[in-house]
Amino acid sequence: VIVDEAQNLELPTLKVILTRMAANSKVVFCGDLTQVDNPYVSPFGGLAALIEKFKGNPMFGHVTMERTVRSPLAELATQLL
């Protein structure tokens, strides 16, 4: 299961997704914590909270991409807005 734009999901929604997974299922949450645009999710809630809570668990992995592959305008908007 791939969940894109996961930075905009609230922690209870992420919990619903994870607690519905069957044995041998894999879940990938994709999201950019600098692009939270859901007014009900803070940059420290939702996906960020999930990452923190699951950190160190052998069933969990987290990758931070170092390079942006977005347009210069999109990157500027992320920085300024």
C-alpha atoms as a PDB file:
ATOM      1  CA  VAL A   1       0.000   0.000   0.000  1.00  0.00           C
ATOM      2  CA  ILE A   2       1.402   3.403  -0.961  1.00  0.00           C
ATOM      3  CA  VAL A   3       0.005   6.497   0.759  1.00  0.00           C
ATOM      4  CA  ASP A   4       1.098   9.716  -0.951  1.00  0.00           C
ATOM      5  CA  GLU A   5       0.846  13.227   0.550  1.00  0.00           C
ATOM      6  CA  ALA A   6       0.861  11.570   3.991  1.00  0.00           C
ATOM      7  CA  GLN A   7       2.100  14.773   5.632  1.00  0.00           C
ATOM      8  CA  ASN A   8      -1.506  16.007   5.423  1.00  0.00           C
ATOM      9  CA  LEU A   9      -3.007  13.080   7.338  1.00  0.00           C
ATOM     10  CA  GLU A  10      -3.868  13.264  11.018  1.00  0.00           C
ATOM     11  CA  LEU A  11      -2.411  10.633  13.351  1.00  0.00           C
ATOM     12  CA  PRO A  12      -5.793   8.866  13.852  1.00  0.00           C
ATOM     13  CA  THR A  13      -6.089   8.456  10.068  1.00  0.00           C
ATOM     14  CA  LEU A  14      -2.592   6.979   9.890  1.00  0.00           C
ATOM     15  CA  LYS A  15      -3.577   4.618  12.697  1.00  0.00           C
ATOM     16  CA  VAL A  16      -6.650   3.472  10.746  1.00  0.00           C
ATOM     17  CA  ILE A  17      -4.469   2.662   7.742  1.00  0.00           C
ATOM     18  CA  LEU A  18      -1.878   0.753   9.778  1.00  0.00           C
ATOM     19  CA  THR A  19      -4.357  -1.204  11.876  1.00  0.00           C
ATOM     20  CA  ARG A  20      -6.114  -2.496   8.748  1.00  0.00           C
ATOM     21  CA  MET A  21      -3.015  -4.106   7.252  1.00  0.00           C
ATOM     22  CA  ALA A  22      -2.965  -7.888   6.907  1.00  0.00           C
ATOM     23  CA  ALA A  23       0.011 -10.131   7.635  1.00  0.00           C
ATOM     24  CA  ASN A  24       2.832  -9.682   5.108  1.00  0.00           C
ATOM     25  CA  SER A  25       1.462  -6.285   4.026  1.00  0.00           C
ATOM     26  CA  LYS A  26       3.835  -3.428   3.432  1.00  0.00           C
ATOM     27  CA  VAL A  27       2.939   0.241   3.754  1.00  0.00           C
ATOM     28  CA  VAL A  28       4.909   3.163   2.338  1.00  0.00           C
ATOM     29  CA  PHE A  29       3.991   6.659   3.504  1.00  0.00           C
ATOM     30  CA  CYS A  30       5.322   9.386   1.205  1.00  0.00           C
ATOM     31  CA  GLY A  31       5.276  12.965   2.370  1.00  0.00           C
ATOM     32  CA  ASP A  32       7.182  16.189   2.788  1.00  0.00           C
ATOM     33  CA  LEU A  33       6.950  17.585   6.310  1.00  0.00           C
ATOM     34  CA  THR A  34       7.651  21.081   4.951  1.00  0.00           C
ATOM     35  CA  GLN A  35       4.495  20.919   2.809  1.00  0.00           C
ATOM     36  CA  VAL A  36       1.778  20.362   5.410  1.00  0.00           C
ATOM     37  CA  ASP A  37      -1.227  22.288   4.112  1.00  0.00           C
ATOM     38  CA  ASN A  38      -3.979  20.660   6.163  1.00  0.00           C
ATOM     39  CA  PRO A  39      -5.012  23.219   8.821  1.00  0.00           C
ATOM     40  CA  TYR A  40      -5.721  20.384  11.281  1.00  0.00           C
ATOM     41  CA  VAL A  41      -2.208  18.904  11.070  1.00  0.00           C
ATOM     42  CA  SER A  42       0.875  20.600  12.481  1.00  0.00           C
ATOM     43  CA  PRO A  43       4.353  19.951  11.072  1.00  0.00           C
ATOM     44  CA  PHE A  44       4.974  18.006  14.313  1.00  0.00           C
ATOM     45  CA  GLY A  45       1.799  15.907  14.193  1.00  0.00           C
ATOM     46  CA  GLY A  46       0.540  13.259  11.834  1.00  0.00           C
ATOM     47  CA  LEU A  47       3.384  11.803   9.807  1.00  0.00           C
ATOM     48  CA  ALA A  48       6.092  13.433  11.953  1.00  0.00           C
ATOM     49  CA  ALA A  49       4.558  11.933  15.098  1.00  0.00           C
ATOM     50  CA  LEU A  50       4.302   8.525  13.423  1.00  0.00           C
ATOM     51  CA  ILE A  51       7.992   8.654  12.462  1.00  0.00           C
ATOM     52  CA  GLU A  52       8.957   9.551  16.035  1.00  0.00           C
ATOM     53  CA  LYS A  53       6.768   6.886  17.655  1.00  0.00           C
ATOM     54  CA  PHE A  54       7.974   4.065  15.378  1.00  0.00           C
ATOM     55  CA  LYS A  55      11.660   5.081  15.362  1.00  0.00           C
ATOM     56  CA  GLY A  56      13.902   2.172  16.348  1.00  0.00           C
ATOM     57  CA  ASN A  57      11.268  -0.510  15.731  1.00  0.00           C
ATOM     58  CA  PRO A  58      12.637  -3.293  13.481  1.00  0.00           C
ATOM     59  CA  MET A  59       9.410  -3.295  11.427  1.00  0.00           C
ATOM     60  CA  PHE A  60       9.854   0.394  10.582  1.00  0.00           C
ATOM     61  CA  GLY A  61      12.175   2.289   8.271  1.00  0.00           C
ATOM     62  CA  HIS A  62      12.497   5.981   7.502  1.00  0.00           C
ATOM     63  CA  VAL A  63      14.341   7.653   4.639  1.00  0.00           C
ATOM     64  CA  THR A  64      14.901  11.394   4.305  1.00  0.00           C
ATOM     65  CA  MET A  65      15.658  12.536   0.785  1.00  0.00           C
ATOM     66  CA  GLU A  66      18.395  15.154   0.708  1.00  0.00           C
ATOM     67  CA  ARG A  67      17.814  16.518  -2.767  1.00  0.00           C
ATOM     68  CA  THR A  68      14.733  18.284  -4.077  1.00  0.00           C
ATOM     69  CA  VAL A  69      13.535  17.334  -7.539  1.00  0.00           C
ATOM     70  CA  ARG A  70      10.841  19.981  -7.695  1.00  0.00           C
ATOM     71  CA  SER A  71      10.692  23.063  -9.847  1.00  0.00           C
ATOM     72  CA  PRO A  72      12.536  26.165  -8.653  1.00  0.00           C
ATOM     73  CA  LEU A  73       9.177  27.928  -8.186  1.00  0.00           C
ATOM     74  CA  ALA A  74       7.781  25.096  -6.039  1.00  0.00           C
ATOM     75  CA  GLU A  75      10.925  25.082  -3.906  1.00  0.00           C
ATOM     76  CA  LEU A  76      10.805  28.874  -3.478  1.00  0.00           C
ATOM     77  CA  ALA A  77       7.132  28.725  -2.469  1.00  0.00           C
ATOM     78  CA  THR A  78       7.950  26.039   0.111  1.00  0.00           C
ATOM     79  CA  GLN A  79      10.673  28.232   1.609  1.00  0.00           C
ATOM     80  CA  LEU A  80       8.731  31.500   1.610  1.00  0.00           C
ATOM     81  CA  LEU A  81       5.207  30.385   2.385  1.00  0.00           C
END
